[in-house]
Amino acid sequence: MEKFKVYTSFYLNTVYEKNQVILMGKTKKTGISATFGPRYGANVRKKWRLIMEKQKGGNLKCPRCETKGSINRISTGIWHCKKCDAKFTGGAYNTQTPRGAESFRIAKRKQRELETIEE
């Protein structure tokens, strides 16, 4: 009985066996975290992918000038806007945390109440 060599091609996702082409199943799309391959675990790669997609997508807005895509992270929780040159604090990976947004809404409401009392 003759043994045949099996050759795999990573680019074409096919297996060549004795002049036959056998198609293999396709893999999942992993997005930006595909550079890690199988390392670091699925949950870590998934969390990292979500964080990086938010940052690189340009969806982060400056709280002062409301410009999208002009925000840079200087350090953990410290953000900088290139357009209006504002430096402000926020979350480690987002410009605003849920608790910070809540306290901002409360402060605005209190300010409106004080203004209506003074009038």
N, C-alpha and C. Protein backbone atom coordinates (compact mmCIF):
# COMPACT_ATOMS: atom_id res chain seq x y z
N MET A 1 0.85 -1.18 0.00
CA MET A 1 0.00 0.00 0.00
C MET A 1 0.89 1.24 0.00
N GLU A 2 0.53 2.17 -0.83
CA GLU A 2 1.33 3.38 -1.03
C GLU A 2 0.86 4.49 -0.09
N LYS A 3 1.79 5.16 0.57
CA LYS A 3 1.44 6.29 1.43
C LYS A 3 1.65 7.57 0.64
N PHE A 4 0.71 8.49 0.73
CA PHE A 4 0.79 9.76 0.01
C PHE A 4 1.07 10.88 0.99
N LYS A 5 1.81 11.86 0.53
CA LYS A 5 2.09 13.03 1.34
C LYS A 5 0.90 13.98 1.26
N VAL A 6 0.61 14.60 2.37
CA VAL A 6 -0.47 15.59 2.42
C VAL A 6 0.17 16.95 2.57
N TYR A 7 -0.15 17.85 1.67
CA TYR A 7 0.38 19.21 1.71
C TYR A 7 -0.76 20.15 2.05
N THR A 8 -0.51 21.07 2.95
CA THR A 8 -1.53 22.07 3.28
C THR A 8 -1.06 23.43 2.81
N SER A 9 -2.00 24.23 2.42
CA SER A 9 -1.71 25.59 2.02
C SER A 9 -2.49 26.53 2.92
N PHE A 10 -1.80 27.37 3.66
CA PHE A 10 -2.47 28.27 4.57
C PHE A 10 -3.11 29.44 3.84
N TYR A 11 -2.62 29.76 2.67
CA TYR A 11 -3.15 30.89 1.93
C TYR A 11 -4.45 30.55 1.24
N LEU A 12 -4.57 29.35 0.73
CA LEU A 12 -5.76 28.96 -0.03
C LEU A 12 -6.75 28.16 0.80
N ASN A 13 -6.38 27.79 2.03
CA ASN A 13 -7.23 27.02 2.92
C ASN A 13 -7.67 25.70 2.27
N THR A 14 -6.72 25.02 1.63
CA THR A 14 -7.01 23.76 0.95
C THR A 14 -5.99 22.70 1.32
N VAL A 15 -6.33 21.46 1.08
CA VAL A 15 -5.42 20.34 1.29
C VAL A 15 -5.23 19.65 -0.05
N TYR A 16 -3.97 19.40 -0.41
CA TYR A 16 -3.67 18.70 -1.65
C TYR A 16 -3.30 17.26 -1.33
N GLU A 17 -4.00 16.30 -1.88
CA GLU A 17 -3.72 14.91 -1.59
C GLU A 17 -3.89 14.10 -2.89
N LYS A 18 -2.79 13.57 -3.42
CA LYS A 18 -2.79 12.72 -4.61
C LYS A 18 -3.58 13.34 -5.75
N ASN A 19 -3.16 14.56 -6.15
CA ASN A 19 -3.76 15.29 -7.27
C ASN A 19 -5.23 15.64 -7.05
N GLN A 20 -5.66 15.69 -5.82
CA GLN A 20 -7.02 16.10 -5.52
C GLN A 20 -6.97 17.32 -4.61
N VAL A 21 -7.93 18.19 -4.75
CA VAL A 21 -8.03 19.37 -3.91
C VAL A 21 -9.24 19.19 -3.00
N ILE A 22 -9.01 19.21 -1.70
CA ILE A 22 -10.08 19.05 -0.72
C ILE A 22 -10.18 20.38 0.03
N LEU A 23 -11.34 21.01 0.00
CA LEU A 23 -11.53 22.28 0.70
C LEU A 23 -11.76 22.03 2.18
N MET A 24 -11.14 22.85 3.01
CA MET A 24 -11.28 22.73 4.46
C MET A 24 -12.28 23.78 4.94
N GLY A 25 -12.76 23.62 6.16
CA GLY A 25 -13.68 24.59 6.74
C GLY A 25 -12.99 25.92 6.99
N LYS A 26 -13.76 26.99 6.92
CA LYS A 26 -13.20 28.32 7.12
C LYS A 26 -13.12 28.66 8.60
N THR A 27 -12.20 29.54 8.96
CA THR A 27 -12.04 29.95 10.35
C THR A 27 -12.85 31.21 10.61
N LYS A 28 -13.02 31.54 11.90
CA LYS A 28 -13.75 32.74 12.27
C LYS A 28 -12.93 33.98 11.96
N LYS A 29 -13.62 35.08 11.69
CA LYS A 29 -12.92 36.35 11.51
C LYS A 29 -12.64 36.93 12.90
N THR A 30 -11.39 37.20 13.17
CA THR A 30 -11.03 37.68 14.50
C THR A 30 -10.76 39.17 14.54
N GLY A 31 -10.73 39.82 13.41
CA GLY A 31 -10.56 41.27 13.39
C GLY A 31 -9.15 41.69 13.72
N ILE A 32 -9.04 42.79 14.48
CA ILE A 32 -7.74 43.40 14.77
C ILE A 32 -6.90 42.51 15.69
N SER A 33 -7.54 41.63 16.47
CA SER A 33 -6.79 40.78 17.40
C SER A 33 -6.22 39.53 16.74
N ALA A 34 -6.32 39.42 15.44
CA ALA A 34 -5.78 38.26 14.74
C ALA A 34 -4.26 38.22 14.79
N THR A 35 -3.64 39.35 15.07
CA THR A 35 -2.18 39.39 15.12
C THR A 35 -1.63 38.56 16.28
N PHE A 36 -2.46 38.31 17.32
CA PHE A 36 -2.01 37.54 18.47
C PHE A 36 -2.05 36.04 18.21
N GLY A 37 -2.81 35.61 17.21
CA GLY A 37 -2.94 34.18 16.94
C GLY A 37 -3.65 33.49 18.09
N PRO A 38 -3.18 32.32 18.51
CA PRO A 38 -3.84 31.61 19.60
C PRO A 38 -3.35 32.01 21.00
N ARG A 39 -2.48 33.00 21.07
CA ARG A 39 -1.90 33.37 22.37
C ARG A 39 -2.84 34.20 23.22
N TYR A 40 -2.64 34.21 24.49
CA TYR A 40 -3.26 35.06 25.52
C TYR A 40 -4.69 34.70 25.88
N GLY A 41 -5.35 33.82 25.18
CA GLY A 41 -6.71 33.40 25.54
C GLY A 41 -7.78 34.19 24.81
N ALA A 42 -8.93 33.56 24.62
CA ALA A 42 -10.00 34.15 23.83
C ALA A 42 -10.60 35.38 24.49
N ASN A 43 -10.81 35.33 25.80
CA ASN A 43 -11.45 36.47 26.48
C ASN A 43 -10.57 37.71 26.47
N VAL A 44 -9.28 37.54 26.68
CA VAL A 44 -8.36 38.68 26.67
C VAL A 44 -8.31 39.30 25.28
N ARG A 45 -8.24 38.46 24.25
CA ARG A 45 -8.21 38.98 22.88
C ARG A 45 -9.51 39.70 22.53
N LYS A 46 -10.63 39.18 23.00
CA LYS A 46 -11.92 39.80 22.71
C LYS A 46 -12.04 41.17 23.37
N LYS A 47 -11.63 41.27 24.65
CA LYS A 47 -11.69 42.55 25.36
C LYS A 47 -10.75 43.56 24.72
N TRP A 48 -9.55 43.12 24.36
CA TRP A 48 -8.58 44.01 23.73
C TRP A 48 -9.12 44.51 22.38
N ARG A 49 -9.76 43.61 21.63
CA ARG A 49 -10.31 43.98 20.33
C ARG A 49 -11.39 45.05 20.48
N LEU A 50 -12.28 44.90 21.46
CA LEU A 50 -13.35 45.88 21.66
C LEU A 50 -12.78 47.24 22.04
N ILE A 51 -11.77 47.25 22.91
CA ILE A 51 -11.15 48.52 23.33
C ILE A 51 -10.48 49.20 22.15
N MET A 52 -9.70 48.46 21.38
CA MET A 52 -8.96 49.05 20.28
C MET A 52 -9.88 49.50 19.14
N GLU A 53 -10.97 48.80 18.91
CA GLU A 53 -11.90 49.23 17.87
C GLU A 53 -12.57 50.54 18.24
N LYS A 54 -12.86 50.75 19.54
CA LYS A 54 -13.44 52.02 19.97
C LYS A 54 -12.44 53.15 19.81
N GLN A 55 -11.17 52.90 20.19
CA GLN A 55 -10.17 53.96 20.12
C GLN A 55 -9.79 54.29 18.68
N LYS A 56 -9.59 53.27 17.85
CA LYS A 56 -9.12 53.52 16.49
C LYS A 56 -10.25 53.89 15.54
N GLY A 57 -11.48 53.65 15.96
CA GLY A 57 -12.63 53.96 15.09
C GLY A 57 -12.90 55.44 14.97
N GLY A 58 -12.34 56.25 15.85
CA GLY A 58 -12.56 57.69 15.79
C GLY A 58 -13.90 58.11 16.37
N ASN A 59 -14.52 57.26 17.19
CA ASN A 59 -15.82 57.59 17.76
C ASN A 59 -15.71 58.41 19.04
N LEU A 60 -14.50 58.60 19.56
CA LEU A 60 -14.33 59.33 20.81
C LEU A 60 -14.48 60.82 20.56
N LYS A 61 -15.35 61.47 21.35
CA LYS A 61 -15.62 62.90 21.18
C LYS A 61 -14.94 63.69 22.28
N CYS A 62 -14.51 64.88 21.93
CA CYS A 62 -13.97 65.80 22.92
C CYS A 62 -15.15 66.41 23.69
N PRO A 63 -15.11 66.45 25.04
CA PRO A 63 -16.23 67.02 25.79
C PRO A 63 -16.34 68.54 25.64
N ARG A 64 -15.26 69.21 25.27
CA ARG A 64 -15.31 70.66 25.14
C ARG A 64 -15.76 71.10 23.74
N CYS A 65 -15.11 70.60 22.68
CA CYS A 65 -15.43 71.08 21.33
C CYS A 65 -16.29 70.10 20.53
N GLU A 66 -16.59 68.91 21.10
CA GLU A 66 -17.44 67.89 20.46
C GLU A 66 -16.91 67.40 19.11
N THR A 67 -15.59 67.44 18.91
CA THR A 67 -14.99 66.99 17.66
C THR A 67 -14.66 65.50 17.77
N LYS A 68 -14.99 64.76 16.71
CA LYS A 68 -14.67 63.33 16.70
C LYS A 68 -13.30 63.13 16.07
N GLY A 69 -12.56 62.18 16.60
CA GLY A 69 -11.29 61.79 15.99
C GLY A 69 -10.09 62.63 16.35
N SER A 70 -10.24 63.58 17.26
CA SER A 70 -9.10 64.43 17.61
C SER A 70 -8.57 64.12 19.01
N ILE A 71 -8.98 63.00 19.57
CA ILE A 71 -8.61 62.65 20.95
C ILE A 71 -7.43 61.69 20.97
N ASN A 72 -6.47 61.96 21.84
CA ASN A 72 -5.33 61.07 22.09
C ASN A 72 -5.30 60.73 23.57
N ARG A 73 -4.88 59.52 23.89
CA ARG A 73 -4.70 59.13 25.29
C ARG A 73 -3.25 59.36 25.67
N ILE A 74 -3.03 60.21 26.65
CA ILE A 74 -1.68 60.51 27.11
C ILE A 74 -1.20 59.43 28.07
N SER A 75 -2.03 59.11 29.04
CA SER A 75 -1.70 58.14 30.06
C SER A 75 -3.00 57.48 30.50
N THR A 76 -2.95 56.62 31.50
CA THR A 76 -4.16 55.96 31.97
C THR A 76 -5.13 56.98 32.53
N GLY A 77 -6.24 57.16 31.86
CA GLY A 77 -7.28 58.07 32.33
C GLY A 77 -7.05 59.53 31.98
N ILE A 78 -5.98 59.88 31.28
CA ILE A 78 -5.71 61.27 30.91
C ILE A 78 -5.78 61.38 29.39
N TRP A 79 -6.64 62.28 28.91
CA TRP A 79 -6.90 62.42 27.48
C TRP A 79 -6.58 63.84 27.02
N HIS A 80 -6.26 63.99 25.72
CA HIS A 80 -5.88 65.28 25.16
C HIS A 80 -6.56 65.46 23.81
N CYS A 81 -7.13 66.64 23.59
CA CYS A 81 -7.75 66.97 22.30
C CYS A 81 -6.77 67.81 21.49
N LYS A 82 -6.49 67.38 20.26
CA LYS A 82 -5.53 68.10 19.41
C LYS A 82 -6.11 69.43 18.91
N LYS A 83 -7.43 69.46 18.69
CA LYS A 83 -8.04 70.65 18.08
C LYS A 83 -8.12 71.83 19.06
N CYS A 84 -8.73 71.59 20.22
CA CYS A 84 -8.93 72.70 21.17
C CYS A 84 -7.89 72.71 22.28
N ASP A 85 -6.94 71.77 22.25
CA ASP A 85 -5.84 71.68 23.21
C ASP A 85 -6.34 71.49 24.65
N ALA A 86 -7.47 70.80 24.80
CA ALA A 86 -8.02 70.53 26.13
C ALA A 86 -7.40 69.24 26.67
N LYS A 87 -7.10 69.26 27.95
CA LYS A 87 -6.60 68.07 28.64
C LYS A 87 -7.61 67.75 29.74
N PHE A 88 -8.11 66.51 29.75
CA PHE A 88 -9.15 66.15 30.69
C PHE A 88 -8.98 64.70 31.13
N THR A 89 -9.70 64.34 32.20
CA THR A 89 -9.63 62.98 32.72
C THR A 89 -10.86 62.20 32.30
N GLY A 90 -10.72 60.90 32.31
CA GLY A 90 -11.82 60.01 31.95
C GLY A 90 -11.48 58.61 32.40
N GLY A 91 -12.00 57.64 31.69
CA GLY A 91 -11.71 56.25 32.01
C GLY A 91 -10.36 55.84 31.45
N ALA A 92 -9.95 54.64 31.77
CA ALA A 92 -8.67 54.14 31.29
C ALA A 92 -8.67 53.95 29.78
N TYR A 93 -9.81 53.49 29.24
CA TYR A 93 -9.87 53.21 27.80
C TYR A 93 -10.93 54.01 27.08
N ASN A 94 -11.78 54.76 27.79
CA ASN A 94 -12.79 55.62 27.20
C ASN A 94 -12.66 57.02 27.77
N THR A 95 -13.15 57.99 27.05
CA THR A 95 -13.04 59.37 27.53
C THR A 95 -13.98 59.65 28.68
N GLN A 96 -15.02 58.84 28.83
CA GLN A 96 -15.99 59.08 29.89
C GLN A 96 -16.43 57.75 30.49
N THR A 97 -16.52 57.69 31.80
CA THR A 97 -16.99 56.49 32.48
C THR A 97 -18.49 56.65 32.77
N PRO A 98 -19.21 55.56 32.98
CA PRO A 98 -20.63 55.68 33.30
C PRO A 98 -20.88 56.49 34.57
N ARG A 99 -20.05 56.30 35.59
CA ARG A 99 -20.21 57.05 36.83
C ARG A 99 -19.91 58.54 36.61
N GLY A 100 -18.91 58.84 35.81
CA GLY A 100 -18.59 60.23 35.51
C GLY A 100 -19.70 60.92 34.73
N ALA A 101 -20.33 60.20 33.80
CA ALA A 101 -21.45 60.77 33.04
C ALA A 101 -22.63 61.05 33.96
N GLU A 102 -22.86 60.16 34.91
CA GLU A 102 -23.96 60.35 35.86
C GLU A 102 -23.73 61.57 36.73
N SER A 103 -22.52 61.73 37.25
CA SER A 103 -22.24 62.88 38.10
C SER A 103 -22.29 64.19 37.30
N PHE A 104 -21.93 64.14 36.01
CA PHE A 104 -22.01 65.34 35.17
C PHE A 104 -23.47 65.75 34.98
N ARG A 105 -24.36 64.76 34.76
CA ARG A 105 -25.79 65.06 34.60
C ARG A 105 -26.37 65.64 35.89
N ILE A 106 -25.96 65.09 37.04
CA ILE A 106 -26.47 65.59 38.32
C ILE A 106 -26.02 67.03 38.54
N ALA A 107 -24.75 67.32 38.24
CA ALA A 107 -24.23 68.68 38.42
C ALA A 107 -24.95 69.66 37.53
N LYS A 108 -25.25 69.28 36.29
CA LYS A 108 -25.99 70.17 35.38
C LYS A 108 -27.40 70.43 35.90
N ARG A 109 -28.06 69.37 36.41
CA ARG A 109 -29.42 69.52 36.93
C ARG A 109 -29.44 70.44 38.13
N LYS A 110 -28.46 70.30 39.05
CA LYS A 110 -28.38 71.17 40.23
C LYS A 110 -28.16 72.62 39.83
N GLN A 111 -27.32 72.81 38.80
CA GLN A 111 -27.05 74.17 38.33
C GLN A 111 -28.31 74.81 37.75
N ARG A 112 -29.10 74.03 37.00
CA ARG A 112 -30.36 74.55 36.45
C ARG A 112 -31.33 74.89 37.56
N GLU A 113 -31.40 74.05 38.61
CA GLU A 113 -32.30 74.31 39.73
C GLU A 113 -31.90 75.59 40.46
N LEU A 114 -30.60 75.81 40.64
CA LEU A 114 -30.14 77.04 41.30
C LEU A 114 -30.47 78.27 40.47
N GLU A 115 -30.34 78.17 39.15
CA GLU A 115 -30.64 79.30 38.27
C GLU A 115 -32.13 79.65 38.31
N THR A 116 -33.00 78.62 38.36
CA THR A 116 -34.44 78.90 38.41
C THR A 116 -34.84 79.49 39.76
N ILE A 117 -34.15 79.09 40.84
CA ILE A 117 -34.47 79.65 42.18
C ILE A 117 -34.06 81.11 42.25
N GLU A 118 -32.93 81.47 41.64
CA GLU A 118 -32.44 82.85 41.67
C GLU A 118 -33.33 83.79 40.89
N GLU A 119 -34.02 83.29 39.90
CA GLU A 119 -34.88 84.16 39.08
C GLU A 119 -36.18 84.36 39.74
